[in-house]
Amino acid sequence: MKVDVYKRSEGHNLCSYLIVPNQKTLPEEVANTDWLVHELNVDFEPGGKSRFTLKPDDAFDQLGEKGYAISHLDDRTSDSDVH
């Protein structure tokens, strides 16, 4: 599946990632926050390796439930890390 990846910097030098299906607009409930484009048109497949702090199977569950997937609080990463 092709997805677009957004990144949000948070306090304590942490960041979260959000993915939505490629070329879909950000859902209203997350559009009001400070998400910035990180990468567009990224291959993201179920059963694959974790990317952008997102575990694929969990991310696909989230995509099915709400149309987007977001990093869990415990899975945030240092804002200086590049993924």
PDB file of N, CA and C in Angstrom:
ATOM      1  N   MET A   1       0.849  -1.174   0.000  1.00  0.00           N
ATOM      2  CA  MET A   1       0.000   0.000   0.000  1.00  0.00           C
ATOM      3  C   MET A   1       0.893   1.234   0.000  1.00  0.00           C
ATOM      4  N   LYS A   2       0.514   2.200  -0.779  1.00  0.00           N
ATOM      5  CA  LYS A   2       1.225   3.479  -0.793  1.00  0.00           C
ATOM      6  C   LYS A   2       0.598   4.393   0.255  1.00  0.00           C
ATOM      7  N   VAL A   3       1.454   5.025   1.063  1.00  0.00           N
ATOM      8  CA  VAL A   3       0.981   5.939   2.102  1.00  0.00           C
ATOM      9  C   VAL A   3       1.784   7.228   2.053  1.00  0.00           C
ATOM     10  N   ASP A   4       1.206   8.260   2.644  1.00  0.00           N
ATOM     11  CA  ASP A   4       1.908   9.516   2.862  1.00  0.00           C
ATOM     12  C   ASP A   4       2.206   9.599   4.351  1.00  0.00           C
ATOM     13  N   VAL A   5       3.410  10.023   4.686  1.00  0.00           N
ATOM     14  CA  VAL A   5       3.880  10.033   6.071  1.00  0.00           C
ATOM     15  C   VAL A   5       4.047  11.477   6.534  1.00  0.00           C
ATOM     16  N   TYR A   6       3.506  11.762   7.693  1.00  0.00           N
ATOM     17  CA  TYR A   6       3.605  13.076   8.314  1.00  0.00           C
ATOM     18  C   TYR A   6       4.327  12.926   9.644  1.00  0.00           C
ATOM     19  N   LYS A   7       5.009  13.973  10.062  1.00  0.00           N
ATOM     20  CA  LYS A   7       5.773  13.958  11.304  1.00  0.00           C
ATOM     21  C   LYS A   7       5.382  15.173  12.137  1.00  0.00           C
ATOM     22  N   ARG A   8       5.315  14.976  13.448  1.00  0.00           N
ATOM     23  CA  ARG A   8       4.997  16.076  14.356  1.00  0.00           C
ATOM     24  C   ARG A   8       6.013  16.088  15.482  1.00  0.00           C
ATOM     25  N   SER A   9       6.667  17.222  15.674  1.00  0.00           N
ATOM     26  CA  SER A   9       7.590  17.385  16.794  1.00  0.00           C
ATOM     27  C   SER A   9       6.793  17.659  18.051  1.00  0.00           C
ATOM     28  N   GLU A  10       7.238  17.044  19.136  1.00  0.00           N
ATOM     29  CA  GLU A  10       6.564  17.198  20.417  1.00  0.00           C
ATOM     30  C   GLU A  10       7.585  17.625  21.459  1.00  0.00           C
ATOM     31  N   GLY A  11       7.142  17.844  22.670  1.00  0.00           N
ATOM     32  CA  GLY A  11       8.048  18.247  23.739  1.00  0.00           C
ATOM     33  C   GLY A  11       9.075  17.179  24.059  1.00  0.00           C
ATOM     34  N   HIS A  12      10.096  17.567  24.783  1.00  0.00           N
ATOM     35  CA  HIS A  12      11.164  16.664  25.233  1.00  0.00           C
ATOM     36  C   HIS A  12      11.909  16.019  24.063  1.00  0.00           C
ATOM     37  N   ASN A  13      12.028  16.741  22.950  1.00  0.00           N
ATOM     38  CA  ASN A  13      12.762  16.275  21.773  1.00  0.00           C
ATOM     39  C   ASN A  13      12.202  14.972  21.204  1.00  0.00           C
ATOM     40  N   LEU A  14      10.888  14.775  21.270  1.00  0.00           N
ATOM     41  CA  LEU A  14      10.249  13.583  20.726  1.00  0.00           C
ATOM     42  C   LEU A  14       9.417  13.945  19.508  1.00  0.00           C
ATOM     43  N   CYS A  15       9.152  12.943  18.667  1.00  0.00           N
ATOM     44  CA  CYS A  15       8.273  13.157  17.531  1.00  0.00           C
ATOM     45  C   CYS A  15       7.386  11.935  17.334  1.00  0.00           C
ATOM     46  N   SER A  16       6.266  12.160  16.669  1.00  0.00           N
ATOM     47  CA  SER A  16       5.321  11.115  16.312  1.00  0.00           C
ATOM     48  C   SER A  16       5.159  11.110  14.802  1.00  0.00           C
ATOM     49  N   TYR A  17       4.692   9.976  14.297  1.00  0.00           N
ATOM     50  CA  TYR A  17       4.433   9.841  12.871  1.00  0.00           C
ATOM     51  C   TYR A  17       2.970   9.501  12.645  1.00  0.00           C
ATOM     52  N   LEU A  18       2.458   9.938  11.517  1.00  0.00           N
ATOM     53  CA  LEU A  18       1.091   9.679  11.104  1.00  0.00           C
ATOM     54  C   LEU A  18       1.145   9.231   9.652  1.00  0.00           C
ATOM     55  N   ILE A  19       0.417   8.168   9.319  1.00  0.00           N
ATOM     56  CA  ILE A  19       0.334   7.768   7.912  1.00  0.00           C
ATOM     57  C   ILE A  19      -1.132   7.752   7.485  1.00  0.00           C
ATOM     58  N   VAL A  20      -1.343   8.145   6.247  1.00  0.00           N
ATOM     59  CA  VAL A  20      -2.653   8.074   5.612  1.00  0.00           C
ATOM     60  C   VAL A  20      -2.439   7.464   4.230  1.00  0.00           C
ATOM     61  N   PRO A  21      -3.462   6.800   3.686  1.00  0.00           N
ATOM     62  CA  PRO A  21      -3.313   6.291   2.318  1.00  0.00           C
ATOM     63  C   PRO A  21      -2.889   7.418   1.377  1.00  0.00           C
ATOM     64  N   ASN A  22      -2.049   7.071   0.438  1.00  0.00           N
ATOM     65  CA  ASN A  22      -1.490   8.034  -0.511  1.00  0.00           C
ATOM     66  C   ASN A  22      -2.566   8.920  -1.121  1.00  0.00           C
ATOM     67  N   GLN A  23      -2.299  10.214  -1.108  1.00  0.00           N
ATOM     68  CA  GLN A  23      -3.117  11.268  -1.706  1.00  0.00           C
ATOM     69  C   GLN A  23      -4.463  11.470  -1.024  1.00  0.00           C
ATOM     70  N   LYS A  24      -4.652  10.939   0.180  1.00  0.00           N
ATOM     71  CA  LYS A  24      -5.864  11.218   0.956  1.00  0.00           C
ATOM     72  C   LYS A  24      -5.588  12.447   1.812  1.00  0.00           C
ATOM     73  N   THR A  25      -6.608  13.227   2.077  1.00  0.00           N
ATOM     74  CA  THR A  25      -6.424  14.388   2.932  1.00  0.00           C
ATOM     75  C   THR A  25      -6.351  13.939   4.387  1.00  0.00           C
ATOM     76  N   LEU A  26      -5.734  14.756   5.210  1.00  0.00           N
ATOM     77  CA  LEU A  26      -5.667  14.445   6.632  1.00  0.00           C
ATOM     78  C   LEU A  26      -7.077  14.465   7.215  1.00  0.00           C
ATOM     79  N   PRO A  27      -7.407  13.472   8.028  1.00  0.00           N
ATOM     80  CA  PRO A  27      -8.724  13.472   8.671  1.00  0.00           C
ATOM     81  C   PRO A  27      -8.899  14.706   9.550  1.00  0.00           C
ATOM     82  N   GLU A  28     -10.126  15.150   9.677  1.00  0.00           N
ATOM     83  CA  GLU A  28     -10.427  16.376  10.414  1.00  0.00           C
ATOM     84  C   GLU A  28      -9.880  16.357  11.836  1.00  0.00           C
ATOM     85  N   GLU A  29      -9.948  15.198  12.505  1.00  0.00           N
ATOM     86  CA  GLU A  29      -9.510  15.149  13.903  1.00  0.00           C
ATOM     87  C   GLU A  29      -8.008  15.344  14.091  1.00  0.00           C
ATOM     88  N   VAL A  30      -7.217  15.211  13.022  1.00  0.00           N
ATOM     89  CA  VAL A  30      -5.776  15.450  13.159  1.00  0.00           C
ATOM     90  C   VAL A  30      -5.306  16.648  12.329  1.00  0.00           C
ATOM     91  N   ALA A  31      -6.169  17.197  11.508  1.00  0.00           N
ATOM     92  CA  ALA A  31      -5.773  18.295  10.625  1.00  0.00           C
ATOM     93  C   ALA A  31      -5.466  19.584  11.387  1.00  0.00           C
ATOM     94  N   ASN A  32      -5.950  19.706  12.609  1.00  0.00           N
ATOM     95  CA  ASN A  32      -5.745  20.933  13.375  1.00  0.00           C
ATOM     96  C   ASN A  32      -4.407  20.964  14.106  1.00  0.00           C
ATOM     97  N   THR A  33      -3.610  19.933  14.003  1.00  0.00           N
ATOM     98  CA  THR A  33      -2.332  19.888  14.710  1.00  0.00           C
ATOM     99  C   THR A  33      -1.187  20.179  13.754  1.00  0.00           C
ATOM    100  N   ASP A  34       0.020  20.112  14.258  1.00  0.00           N
ATOM    101  CA  ASP A  34       1.201  20.552  13.509  1.00  0.00           C
ATOM    102  C   ASP A  34       1.892  19.428  12.736  1.00  0.00           C
ATOM    103  N   TRP A  35       1.159  18.686  11.948  1.00  0.00           N
ATOM    104  CA  TRP A  35       1.755  17.620  11.149  1.00  0.00           C
ATOM    105  C   TRP A  35       2.405  18.223   9.912  1.00  0.00           C
ATOM    106  N   LEU A  36       3.642  17.830   9.646  1.00  0.00           N
ATOM    107  CA  LEU A  36       4.371  18.276   8.456  1.00  0.00           C
ATOM    108  C   LEU A  36       4.664  17.083   7.571  1.00  0.00           C
ATOM    109  N   VAL A  37       4.647  17.288   6.277  1.00  0.00           N
ATOM    110  CA  VAL A  37       4.964  16.199   5.353  1.00  0.00           C
ATOM    111  C   VAL A  37       6.374  15.710   5.631  1.00  0.00           C
ATOM    112  N   HIS A  38       6.508  14.392   5.795  1.00  0.00           N
ATOM    113  CA  HIS A  38       7.814  13.768   6.007  1.00  0.00           C
ATOM    114  C   HIS A  38       8.242  13.035   4.730  1.00  0.00           C
ATOM    115  N   GLU A  39       7.376  12.168   4.194  1.00  0.00           N
ATOM    116  CA  GLU A  39       7.622  11.467   2.932  1.00  0.00           C
ATOM    117  C   GLU A  39       6.282  11.175   2.274  1.00  0.00           C
ATOM    118  N   LEU A  40       6.265  11.240   0.955  1.00  0.00           N
ATOM    119  CA  LEU A  40       5.051  10.936   0.200  1.00  0.00           C
ATOM    120  C   LEU A  40       5.256   9.684  -0.637  1.00  0.00           C
ATOM    121  N   ASN A  41       4.155   8.979  -0.893  1.00  0.00           N
ATOM    122  CA  ASN A  41       4.165   7.827  -1.797  1.00  0.00           C
ATOM    123  C   ASN A  41       5.128   6.726  -1.323  1.00  0.00           C
ATOM    124  N   VAL A  42       5.012   6.356  -0.052  1.00  0.00           N
ATOM    125  CA  VAL A  42       5.893   5.370   0.583  1.00  0.00           C
ATOM    126  C   VAL A  42       5.224   3.995   0.548  1.00  0.00           C
ATOM    127  N   ASP A  43       5.985   2.952   0.217  1.00  0.00           N
ATOM    128  CA  ASP A  43       5.475   1.583   0.290  1.00  0.00           C
ATOM    129  C   ASP A  43       5.415   1.152   1.747  1.00  0.00           C
ATOM    130  N   PHE A  44       4.245   0.682   2.195  1.00  0.00           N
ATOM    131  CA  PHE A  44       4.054   0.232   3.574  1.00  0.00           C
ATOM    132  C   PHE A  44       3.150  -0.991   3.511  1.00  0.00           C
ATOM    133  N   GLU A  45       3.666  -2.138   3.910  1.00  0.00           N
ATOM    134  CA  GLU A  45       2.941  -3.391   3.741  1.00  0.00           C
ATOM    135  C   GLU A  45       2.718  -4.110   5.059  1.00  0.00           C
ATOM    136  N   PRO A  46       1.571  -4.805   5.204  1.00  0.00           N
ATOM    137  CA  PRO A  46       1.344  -5.607   6.410  1.00  0.00           C
ATOM    138  C   PRO A  46       2.403  -6.705   6.518  1.00  0.00           C
ATOM    139  N   GLY A  47       2.781  -7.034   7.729  1.00  0.00           N
ATOM    140  CA  GLY A  47       3.764  -8.088   7.942  1.00  0.00           C
ATOM    141  C   GLY A  47       5.197  -7.671   7.679  1.00  0.00           C
ATOM    142  N   GLY A  48       5.401  -6.448   7.247  1.00  0.00           N
ATOM    143  CA  GLY A  48       6.753  -5.959   6.970  1.00  0.00           C
ATOM    144  C   GLY A  48       7.433  -5.467   8.234  1.00  0.00           C
ATOM    145  N   LYS A  49       8.556  -4.814   8.047  1.00  0.00           N
ATOM    146  CA  LYS A  49       9.292  -4.285   9.197  1.00  0.00           C
ATOM    147  C   LYS A  49       8.678  -2.973   9.666  1.00  0.00           C
ATOM    148  N   SER A  50       8.929  -2.646  10.924  1.00  0.00           N
ATOM    149  CA  SER A  50       8.447  -1.378  11.471  1.00  0.00           C
ATOM    150  C   SER A  50       9.120  -0.220  10.755  1.00  0.00           C
ATOM    151  N   ARG A  51       8.327   0.798  10.493  1.00  0.00           N
ATOM    152  CA  ARG A  51       8.850   2.011   9.852  1.00  0.00           C
ATOM    153  C   ARG A  51       8.221   3.207  10.511  1.00  0.00           C
ATOM    154  N   PHE A  52       8.977   4.246  10.680  1.00  0.00           N
ATOM    155  CA  PHE A  52       8.475   5.488  11.254  1.00  0.00           C
ATOM    156  C   PHE A  52       7.863   5.235  12.635  1.00  0.00           C
ATOM    157  N   THR A  53       8.418   4.328  13.385  1.00  0.00           N
ATOM    158  CA  THR A  53       7.956   3.886  14.715  1.00  0.00           C
ATOM    159  C   THR A  53       6.608   3.178  14.662  1.00  0.00           C
ATOM    160  N   LEU A  54       6.105   2.887  13.484  1.00  0.00           N
ATOM    161  CA  LEU A  54       4.817   2.206  13.344  1.00  0.00           C
ATOM    162  C   LEU A  54       5.038   0.738  13.000  1.00  0.00           C
ATOM    163  N   LYS A  55       4.390  -0.137  13.757  1.00  0.00           N
ATOM    164  CA  LYS A  55       4.421  -1.569  13.470  1.00  0.00           C
ATOM    165  C   LYS A  55       3.343  -1.830  12.425  1.00  0.00           C
ATOM    166  N   PRO A  56       3.694  -2.446  11.290  1.00  0.00           N
ATOM    167  CA  PRO A  56       2.746  -2.568  10.176  1.00  0.00           C
ATOM    168  C   PRO A  56       1.390  -3.165  10.550  1.00  0.00           C
ATOM    169  N   ASP A  57       1.357  -4.267  11.290  1.00  0.00           N
ATOM    170  CA  ASP A  57       0.065  -4.886  11.588  1.00  0.00           C
ATOM    171  C   ASP A  57      -0.808  -3.956  12.421  1.00  0.00           C
ATOM    172  N   ASP A  58      -0.213  -3.297  13.406  1.00  0.00           N
ATOM    173  CA  ASP A  58      -0.958  -2.326  14.214  1.00  0.00           C
ATOM    174  C   ASP A  58      -1.405  -1.151  13.348  1.00  0.00           C
ATOM    175  N   ALA A  59      -0.515  -0.677  12.494  1.00  0.00           N
ATOM    176  CA  ALA A  59      -0.856   0.462  11.620  1.00  0.00           C
ATOM    177  C   ALA A  59      -2.020   0.115  10.706  1.00  0.00           C
ATOM    178  N   PHE A  60      -2.037  -1.089  10.147  1.00  0.00           N
ATOM    179  CA  PHE A  60      -3.142  -1.461   9.263  1.00  0.00           C
ATOM    180  C   PHE A  60      -4.446  -1.627  10.036  1.00  0.00           C
ATOM    181  N   ASP A  61      -4.374  -2.069  11.284  1.00  0.00           N
ATOM    182  CA  ASP A  61      -5.572  -2.094  12.132  1.00  0.00           C
ATOM    183  C   ASP A  61      -6.101  -0.671  12.313  1.00  0.00           C
ATOM    184  N   GLN A  62      -5.201   0.269  12.619  1.00  0.00           N
ATOM    185  CA  GLN A  62      -5.611   1.665  12.803  1.00  0.00           C
ATOM    186  C   GLN A  62      -6.187   2.244  11.508  1.00  0.00           C
ATOM    187  N   LEU A  63      -5.529   1.939  10.371  1.00  0.00           N
ATOM    188  CA  LEU A  63      -6.027   2.439   9.089  1.00  0.00           C
ATOM    189  C   LEU A  63      -7.444   1.941   8.829  1.00  0.00           C
ATOM    190  N   GLY A  64      -7.703   0.669   9.151  1.00  0.00           N
ATOM    191  CA  GLY A  64      -9.033   0.109   8.949  1.00  0.00           C
ATOM    192  C   GLY A  64     -10.071   0.725   9.871  1.00  0.00           C
ATOM    193  N   GLU A  65      -9.678   1.051  11.101  1.00  0.00           N
ATOM    194  CA  GLU A  65     -10.610   1.607  12.083  1.00  0.00           C
ATOM    195  C   GLU A  65     -10.913   3.083  11.856  1.00  0.00           C
ATOM    196  N   LYS A  66      -9.866   3.867  11.566  1.00  0.00           N
ATOM    197  CA  LYS A  66     -10.076   5.314  11.531  1.00  0.00           C
ATOM    198  C   LYS A  66      -9.531   6.011  10.288  1.00  0.00           C
ATOM    199  N   GLY A  67      -8.932   5.259   9.377  1.00  0.00           N
ATOM    200  CA  GLY A  67      -8.464   5.860   8.131  1.00  0.00           C
ATOM    201  C   GLY A  67      -7.070   6.450   8.195  1.00  0.00           C
ATOM    202  N   TYR A  68      -6.424   6.388   9.346  1.00  0.00           N
ATOM    203  CA  TYR A  68      -5.049   6.840   9.509  1.00  0.00           C
ATOM    204  C   TYR A  68      -4.418   6.034  10.629  1.00  0.00           C
ATOM    205  N   ALA A  69      -3.097   6.070  10.702  1.00  0.00           N
ATOM    206  CA  ALA A  69      -2.368   5.399  11.789  1.00  0.00           C
ATOM    207  C   ALA A  69      -1.400   6.403  12.385  1.00  0.00           C
ATOM    208  N   ILE A  70      -1.239   6.326  13.692  1.00  0.00           N
ATOM    209  CA  ILE A  70      -0.408   7.281  14.407  1.00  0.00           C
ATOM    210  C   ILE A  70       0.453   6.526  15.416  1.00  0.00           C
ATOM    211  N   SER A  71       1.649   7.049  15.676  1.00  0.00           N
ATOM    212  CA  SER A  71       2.543   6.456  16.662  1.00  0.00           C
ATOM    213  C   SER A  71       1.866   6.417  18.027  1.00  0.00           C
ATOM    214  N   HIS A  72       2.058   5.328  18.754  1.00  0.00           N
ATOM    215  CA  HIS A  72       1.608   5.259  20.138  1.00  0.00           C
ATOM    216  C   HIS A  72       2.561   6.101  20.991  1.00  0.00           C
ATOM    217  N   LEU A  73       2.087   6.581  22.111  1.00  0.00           N
ATOM    218  CA  LEU A  73       2.917   7.426  22.977  1.00  0.00           C
ATOM    219  C   LEU A  73       4.241   6.758  23.327  1.00  0.00           C
ATOM    220  N   ASP A  74       4.210   5.472  23.624  1.00  0.00           N
ATOM    221  CA  ASP A  74       5.444   4.765  23.990  1.00  0.00           C
ATOM    222  C   ASP A  74       6.369   4.506  22.805  1.00  0.00           C
ATOM    223  N   ASP A  75       5.875   4.721  21.585  1.00  0.00           N
ATOM    224  CA  ASP A  75       6.669   4.450  20.388  1.00  0.00           C
ATOM    225  C   ASP A  75       7.231   5.705  19.737  1.00  0.00           C
ATOM    226  N   ARG A  76       7.064   6.840  20.395  1.00  0.00           N
ATOM    227  CA  ARG A  76       7.653   8.060  19.830  1.00  0.00           C
ATOM    228  C   ARG A  76       9.173   7.926  19.846  1.00  0.00           C
ATOM    229  N   THR A  77       9.811   8.701  19.017  1.00  0.00           N
ATOM    230  CA  THR A  77      11.260   8.612  18.875  1.00  0.00           C
ATOM    231  C   THR A  77      11.880  10.000  19.002  1.00  0.00           C
ATOM    232  N   SER A  78      13.183  10.014  19.175  1.00  0.00           N
ATOM    233  CA  SER A  78      13.896  11.280  19.251  1.00  0.00           C
ATOM    234  C   SER A  78      13.687  12.051  17.961  1.00  0.00           C
ATOM    235  N   ASP A  79      13.437  13.342  18.077  1.00  0.00           N
ATOM    236  CA  ASP A  79      13.184  14.174  16.909  1.00  0.00           C
ATOM    237  C   ASP A  79      14.412  14.260  16.008  1.00  0.00           C
ATOM    238  N   SER A  80      15.570  13.972  16.515  1.00  0.00           N
ATOM    239  CA  SER A  80      16.796  14.041  15.702  1.00  0.00           C
ATOM    240  C   SER A  80      17.013  12.760  14.907  1.00  0.00           C
ATOM    241  N   ASP A  81      16.304  11.672  15.251  1.00  0.00           N
ATOM    242  CA  ASP A  81      16.428  10.427  14.496  1.00  0.00           C
ATOM    243  C   ASP A  81      15.768  10.586  13.142  1.00  0.00           C
ATOM    244  N   VAL A  82      16.374  10.021  12.129  1.00  0.00           N
ATOM    245  CA  VAL A  82      15.804  10.066  10.780  1.00  0.00           C
ATOM    246  C   VAL A  82      15.289   8.684  10.449  1.00  0.00           C
ATOM    247  N   HIS A  83      14.050   8.596   9.988  1.00  0.00           N
ATOM    248  CA  HIS A  83      13.434   7.303   9.642  1.00  0.00           C
ATOM    249  C   HIS A  83      12.966   7.321   8.209  1.00  0.00           C
TER     250      HIS A  83
END
